[in-house]
Every structure is written in C-alpha cells, then in structure tokens.
C-alpha cells in the first residue's frame, strides 16, 4: 500500500506540474521543466526530508518554482490535525522554511478557486 501511495503522489506532482504549466507563460513552463530535470532529488526524497522533521500524513506534495527557485512543497497533517507546509530545496536537500496553515488561509483559498 505504501508503494501505491507513493506512486499516487508522484502522479499528482507530475499532473500539478503539467496542468500548472498551462497557466504559466511558455518561458515559465520551460524554466520549471528545466529546473526539475536538473535536480537529482525526487519528490519521494523531499517527502522523506519533510516527514523526518515534521512527522504526520502527507496531504499534498508538488514541485514548484518560487521566486525563480525550484522548491518541493509538502503539506503534512500531524496527529493533532495541524497542517504544515514544508518547503524543501532540491539542490541542498534541506528544509528552507515551514509554516502552519491557518484555517482562515484555507477558507480563503477555497473561496478563490
């Protein structure tokens, strides 16, 4: 079951990258694809780094470009139900930042969809 969960996360990440690229200019899409192809860190490895620091269940994981820099974004919910977004740098393989998701932010995101 763990393997199928990991496969589903990989498919979701690729889907996010591809469909998210539709909203980007062709230059932005090319930049994201190029950055992803130049990193040796996989999404699965980024999830492992995030979970080592913040144990819990992974809700979402994806590759993104933030301020022109490649980043893996991993959302984890802990036993207390607190959701945390963890950003992992694929070059350094380190957590660059993390923040607890605010319920108000989640509600606002849902309203903007």
N, C-alpha and C. Protein backbone atom coordinates (compact mmCIF):
# COMPACT_ATOMS: atom_id res chain seq x y z
N UNK A 1 0.82 -1.19 0.00
CA UNK A 1 0.00 0.00 0.00
C UNK A 1 0.87 1.25 0.00
N UNK A 2 1.98 1.21 0.72
CA UNK A 2 2.87 2.36 0.77
C UNK A 2 3.35 2.71 -0.63
N UNK A 3 3.63 1.69 -1.42
CA UNK A 3 4.14 1.90 -2.79
C UNK A 3 3.08 2.59 -3.65
N UNK A 4 1.81 2.16 -3.51
CA UNK A 4 0.75 2.77 -4.31
C UNK A 4 0.53 4.22 -3.89
N UNK A 5 0.70 4.51 -2.59
CA UNK A 5 0.56 5.89 -2.10
C UNK A 5 1.66 6.77 -2.69
N UNK A 6 2.88 6.25 -2.73
CA UNK A 6 3.99 6.99 -3.29
C UNK A 6 3.79 7.22 -4.78
N UNK A 7 3.31 6.21 -5.47
CA UNK A 7 3.04 6.34 -6.90
C UNK A 7 1.96 7.39 -7.15
N UNK A 8 0.92 7.37 -6.33
CA UNK A 8 -0.15 8.36 -6.48
C UNK A 8 0.38 9.77 -6.26
N UNK A 9 1.28 9.94 -5.29
CA UNK A 9 1.87 11.26 -5.05
C UNK A 9 2.72 11.71 -6.23
N UNK A 10 3.46 10.79 -6.83
CA UNK A 10 4.28 11.14 -7.99
C UNK A 10 3.39 11.56 -9.15
N UNK A 11 2.33 10.82 -9.38
CA UNK A 11 1.40 11.15 -10.46
C UNK A 11 0.77 12.51 -10.21
N UNK A 12 0.37 12.77 -8.96
CA UNK A 12 -0.23 14.05 -8.62
C UNK A 12 0.77 15.19 -8.83
N UNK A 13 2.02 14.96 -8.47
CA UNK A 13 3.04 16.01 -8.65
C UNK A 13 3.26 16.31 -10.12
N UNK A 14 3.35 15.26 -10.92
CA UNK A 14 3.55 15.46 -12.36
C UNK A 14 2.33 16.16 -12.96
N UNK A 15 1.14 15.73 -12.54
CA UNK A 15 -0.08 16.36 -13.03
C UNK A 15 -0.12 17.83 -12.65
N UNK A 16 0.27 18.13 -11.39
CA UNK A 16 0.30 19.53 -10.94
C UNK A 16 1.28 20.34 -11.76
N UNK A 17 2.44 19.76 -12.05
CA UNK A 17 3.44 20.47 -12.83
C UNK A 17 2.94 20.72 -14.24
N UNK A 18 2.34 19.71 -14.85
CA UNK A 18 1.86 19.85 -16.22
C UNK A 18 0.68 20.80 -16.29
N UNK A 19 -0.34 20.62 -15.45
CA UNK A 19 -1.50 21.48 -15.51
C UNK A 19 -1.19 22.87 -15.00
N UNK A 20 -0.30 22.98 -14.03
CA UNK A 20 0.11 24.28 -13.55
C UNK A 20 0.88 25.03 -14.62
N UNK A 21 1.58 24.29 -15.47
CA UNK A 21 2.33 24.89 -16.55
C UNK A 21 1.43 25.55 -17.57
N UNK A 22 0.20 25.11 -17.68
CA UNK A 22 -0.73 25.71 -18.62
C UNK A 22 -0.97 27.16 -18.27
N UNK A 23 -1.00 27.46 -16.96
CA UNK A 23 -1.23 28.83 -16.51
C UNK A 23 0.02 29.69 -16.63
N UNK A 24 1.19 29.05 -16.77
CA UNK A 24 2.44 29.79 -16.90
C UNK A 24 2.66 30.20 -18.35
N UNK A 25 3.47 31.20 -18.54
CA UNK A 25 3.90 31.50 -19.90
C UNK A 25 4.78 30.35 -20.37
N UNK A 26 5.00 30.26 -21.65
CA UNK A 26 5.84 29.17 -22.15
C UNK A 26 7.24 29.29 -21.56
N UNK A 27 7.70 30.51 -21.29
CA UNK A 27 9.01 30.70 -20.68
C UNK A 27 9.02 30.16 -19.25
N UNK A 28 7.97 30.43 -18.48
CA UNK A 28 7.88 29.94 -17.11
C UNK A 28 7.79 28.43 -17.05
N UNK A 29 7.03 27.86 -17.97
CA UNK A 29 6.90 26.40 -18.02
C UNK A 29 8.25 25.78 -18.35
N UNK A 30 8.94 26.33 -19.31
CA UNK A 30 10.25 25.82 -19.69
C UNK A 30 11.21 25.91 -18.52
N UNK A 31 11.16 27.00 -17.78
CA UNK A 31 12.03 27.18 -16.61
C UNK A 31 11.76 26.10 -15.56
N UNK A 32 10.48 25.81 -15.30
CA UNK A 32 10.12 24.80 -14.31
C UNK A 32 10.57 23.41 -14.74
N UNK A 33 10.34 23.08 -15.99
CA UNK A 33 10.74 21.76 -16.51
C UNK A 33 12.25 21.62 -16.47
N UNK A 34 12.95 22.67 -16.87
CA UNK A 34 14.42 22.65 -16.85
C UNK A 34 14.93 22.47 -15.43
N UNK A 35 14.36 23.20 -14.48
CA UNK A 35 14.79 23.10 -13.08
C UNK A 35 14.54 21.71 -12.53
N UNK A 36 13.38 21.14 -12.86
CA UNK A 36 13.07 19.80 -12.37
C UNK A 36 14.02 18.77 -12.96
N UNK A 37 14.36 18.93 -14.22
CA UNK A 37 15.26 17.96 -14.86
C UNK A 37 16.70 18.07 -14.34
N UNK A 38 17.06 19.21 -13.76
CA UNK A 38 18.42 19.41 -13.27
C UNK A 38 18.62 18.99 -11.82
N UNK A 39 17.55 18.64 -11.13
CA UNK A 39 17.70 18.21 -9.75
C UNK A 39 17.75 16.69 -9.69
N UNK A 40 18.54 16.19 -8.78
CA UNK A 40 18.61 14.74 -8.60
C UNK A 40 17.71 14.28 -7.47
N UNK A 41 17.09 15.22 -6.76
CA UNK A 41 16.21 14.88 -5.65
C UNK A 41 14.82 14.57 -6.19
N UNK A 42 14.28 13.44 -5.77
CA UNK A 42 12.93 13.08 -6.19
C UNK A 42 11.89 13.63 -5.22
N UNK A 43 10.66 13.63 -5.65
CA UNK A 43 9.57 14.05 -4.77
C UNK A 43 9.51 13.16 -3.54
N UNK A 44 9.70 11.88 -3.73
CA UNK A 44 9.70 10.93 -2.62
C UNK A 44 10.77 11.28 -1.59
N UNK A 45 11.96 11.66 -2.05
CA UNK A 45 13.03 12.04 -1.14
C UNK A 45 12.69 13.32 -0.39
N UNK A 46 12.08 14.28 -1.09
CA UNK A 46 11.67 15.53 -0.44
C UNK A 46 10.63 15.26 0.64
N UNK A 47 9.71 14.36 0.37
CA UNK A 47 8.70 13.97 1.37
C UNK A 47 9.40 13.37 2.59
N UNK A 48 10.40 12.54 2.35
CA UNK A 48 11.14 11.93 3.45
C UNK A 48 11.84 12.97 4.33
N UNK A 49 12.44 13.98 3.70
CA UNK A 49 13.10 15.06 4.44
C UNK A 49 12.08 15.81 5.29
N UNK A 50 10.93 16.13 4.68
CA UNK A 50 9.89 16.88 5.39
C UNK A 50 9.33 16.07 6.56
N UNK A 51 9.05 14.78 6.32
CA UNK A 51 8.47 13.94 7.37
C UNK A 51 9.46 13.64 8.50
N UNK A 52 10.75 13.65 8.20
CA UNK A 52 11.75 13.42 9.25
C UNK A 52 11.70 14.55 10.28
N UNK A 53 11.44 15.76 9.83
CA UNK A 53 11.37 16.91 10.72
C UNK A 53 9.97 17.09 11.29
N UNK A 54 8.94 16.80 10.47
CA UNK A 54 7.55 17.02 10.86
C UNK A 54 6.74 15.75 10.57
N UNK A 55 6.74 14.79 11.49
CA UNK A 55 6.02 13.53 11.27
C UNK A 55 4.52 13.77 11.08
N UNK A 56 3.92 12.92 10.27
CA UNK A 56 2.49 13.00 10.02
C UNK A 56 2.13 12.39 8.69
N UNK A 57 0.92 12.66 8.24
CA UNK A 57 0.42 12.13 6.97
C UNK A 57 0.54 13.21 5.90
N UNK A 58 1.07 12.84 4.75
CA UNK A 58 1.24 13.78 3.65
C UNK A 58 -0.11 14.00 2.97
N UNK A 59 -0.51 15.26 2.88
CA UNK A 59 -1.76 15.61 2.21
C UNK A 59 -1.53 15.95 0.74
N UNK A 60 -0.40 16.59 0.47
CA UNK A 60 -0.11 17.04 -0.89
C UNK A 60 1.39 17.26 -1.00
N UNK A 61 1.92 17.05 -2.18
CA UNK A 61 3.33 17.31 -2.43
C UNK A 61 3.48 17.65 -3.90
N UNK A 62 4.28 18.69 -4.17
CA UNK A 62 4.46 19.09 -5.56
C UNK A 62 5.75 19.87 -5.73
N UNK A 63 6.19 19.92 -6.98
CA UNK A 63 7.35 20.71 -7.37
C UNK A 63 6.84 22.05 -7.86
N UNK A 64 7.48 23.13 -7.42
CA UNK A 64 7.08 24.47 -7.82
C UNK A 64 8.30 25.33 -8.07
N UNK A 65 8.06 26.44 -8.75
CA UNK A 65 9.06 27.49 -8.86
C UNK A 65 8.58 28.63 -7.99
N UNK A 66 9.38 29.03 -7.01
CA UNK A 66 9.04 30.14 -6.12
C UNK A 66 10.12 31.19 -6.25
N UNK A 67 9.73 32.36 -6.71
CA UNK A 67 10.68 33.46 -6.91
C UNK A 67 11.84 33.01 -7.80
N UNK A 68 11.53 32.23 -8.82
CA UNK A 68 12.55 31.77 -9.76
C UNK A 68 13.40 30.62 -9.26
N UNK A 69 13.09 30.09 -8.07
CA UNK A 69 13.87 29.00 -7.48
C UNK A 69 13.03 27.73 -7.39
N UNK A 70 13.64 26.57 -7.72
CA UNK A 70 12.90 25.31 -7.60
C UNK A 70 12.68 24.95 -6.14
N UNK A 71 11.52 24.39 -5.85
CA UNK A 71 11.19 24.02 -4.47
C UNK A 71 10.21 22.86 -4.49
N UNK A 72 10.36 21.94 -3.55
CA UNK A 72 9.34 20.93 -3.31
C UNK A 72 8.50 21.43 -2.14
N UNK A 73 7.20 21.47 -2.33
CA UNK A 73 6.28 21.90 -1.28
C UNK A 73 5.52 20.67 -0.79
N UNK A 74 5.61 20.39 0.50
CA UNK A 74 4.98 19.21 1.09
C UNK A 74 4.03 19.67 2.20
N UNK A 75 2.76 19.26 2.11
CA UNK A 75 1.79 19.56 3.17
C UNK A 75 1.60 18.31 4.00
N UNK A 76 1.77 18.47 5.32
CA UNK A 76 1.69 17.35 6.26
C UNK A 76 0.69 17.70 7.36
N UNK A 77 -0.15 16.73 7.73
CA UNK A 77 -1.05 16.90 8.88
C UNK A 77 -0.54 15.99 9.99
N UNK A 78 -0.42 16.54 11.20
CA UNK A 78 0.07 15.74 12.32
C UNK A 78 -1.10 15.11 13.08
N UNK A 79 -0.80 14.39 14.15
CA UNK A 79 -1.83 13.68 14.94
C UNK A 79 -2.85 14.63 15.54
N UNK A 80 -2.44 15.86 15.78
CA UNK A 80 -3.35 16.85 16.37
C UNK A 80 -4.22 17.53 15.31
N UNK A 81 -4.01 17.19 14.05
CA UNK A 81 -4.79 17.79 12.98
C UNK A 81 -4.24 19.11 12.47
N UNK A 82 -3.03 19.45 12.86
CA UNK A 82 -2.41 20.69 12.41
C UNK A 82 -1.72 20.43 11.07
N UNK A 83 -2.04 21.28 10.09
CA UNK A 83 -1.46 21.15 8.76
C UNK A 83 -0.29 22.11 8.64
N UNK A 84 0.83 21.58 8.15
CA UNK A 84 2.04 22.37 7.99
C UNK A 84 2.52 22.24 6.55
N UNK A 85 2.89 23.37 5.96
CA UNK A 85 3.50 23.39 4.64
C UNK A 85 5.01 23.46 4.84
N UNK A 86 5.72 22.52 4.23
CA UNK A 86 7.17 22.43 4.37
C UNK A 86 7.80 22.58 2.99
N UNK A 87 8.74 23.51 2.85
CA UNK A 87 9.43 23.73 1.58
C UNK A 87 10.83 23.15 1.66
N UNK A 88 11.14 22.27 0.70
CA UNK A 88 12.43 21.60 0.65
C UNK A 88 13.17 22.04 -0.61
N UNK A 89 14.41 22.50 -0.44
CA UNK A 89 15.24 22.89 -1.58
C UNK A 89 15.83 21.64 -2.21
N UNK A 90 15.56 21.39 -3.51
CA UNK A 90 16.06 20.16 -4.12
C UNK A 90 17.57 20.13 -4.32
N UNK A 91 18.23 21.29 -4.38
CA UNK A 91 19.69 21.29 -4.53
C UNK A 91 20.38 20.98 -3.21
N UNK A 92 19.97 21.66 -2.14
CA UNK A 92 20.63 21.46 -0.84
C UNK A 92 20.05 20.27 -0.08
N UNK A 93 18.84 19.85 -0.50
CA UNK A 93 18.13 18.75 0.17
C UNK A 93 17.80 19.10 1.61
N UNK A 94 17.60 20.38 1.87
CA UNK A 94 17.31 20.88 3.20
C UNK A 94 15.96 21.59 3.21
N UNK A 95 15.33 21.61 4.39
CA UNK A 95 14.11 22.39 4.57
C UNK A 95 14.52 23.86 4.59
N UNK A 96 13.89 24.65 3.74
CA UNK A 96 14.22 26.07 3.70
C UNK A 96 13.25 26.89 4.54
N UNK A 97 12.02 26.41 4.68
CA UNK A 97 11.07 27.03 5.60
C UNK A 97 9.85 26.14 5.75
N UNK A 98 9.07 26.47 6.78
CA UNK A 98 7.82 25.75 7.00
C UNK A 98 6.89 26.70 7.74
N UNK A 99 5.61 26.45 7.55
CA UNK A 99 4.63 27.26 8.27
C UNK A 99 3.37 26.46 8.50
N UNK A 100 2.72 26.76 9.61
CA UNK A 100 1.45 26.12 9.92
C UNK A 100 0.39 26.80 9.07
N UNK A 101 -0.43 25.97 8.42
CA UNK A 101 -1.51 26.51 7.60
C UNK A 101 -2.60 27.01 8.53
N UNK A 102 -3.01 28.21 8.34
CA UNK A 102 -4.07 28.84 9.12
C UNK A 102 -5.41 28.44 8.52
N UNK A 103 -6.39 28.09 9.36
CA UNK A 103 -7.72 27.74 8.86
C UNK A 103 -8.29 28.85 8.01
N UNK A 104 -8.04 30.10 8.39
CA UNK A 104 -8.55 31.24 7.63
C UNK A 104 -7.95 31.25 6.22
N UNK A 105 -6.64 30.94 6.12
CA UNK A 105 -5.99 30.87 4.81
C UNK A 105 -6.63 29.79 3.96
N UNK A 106 -6.92 28.63 4.56
CA UNK A 106 -7.54 27.53 3.83
C UNK A 106 -8.92 27.92 3.31
N UNK A 107 -9.71 28.62 4.15
CA UNK A 107 -11.04 29.04 3.73
C UNK A 107 -10.93 30.06 2.60
N UNK A 108 -9.98 30.98 2.69
CA UNK A 108 -9.80 31.97 1.64
C UNK A 108 -9.36 31.33 0.33
N UNK A 109 -8.48 30.31 0.42
CA UNK A 109 -8.06 29.61 -0.78
C UNK A 109 -9.23 28.95 -1.46
N UNK A 110 -10.11 28.35 -0.69
CA UNK A 110 -11.29 27.69 -1.24
C UNK A 110 -12.24 28.66 -1.91
N UNK A 111 -12.32 29.86 -1.39
CA UNK A 111 -13.22 30.87 -1.97
C UNK A 111 -12.67 31.40 -3.29
N UNK A 112 -11.36 31.35 -3.46
CA UNK A 112 -10.75 31.89 -4.68
C UNK A 112 -10.70 30.89 -5.81
N UNK A 113 -11.00 29.64 -5.55
CA UNK A 113 -10.94 28.60 -6.59
C UNK A 113 -12.08 28.71 -7.56
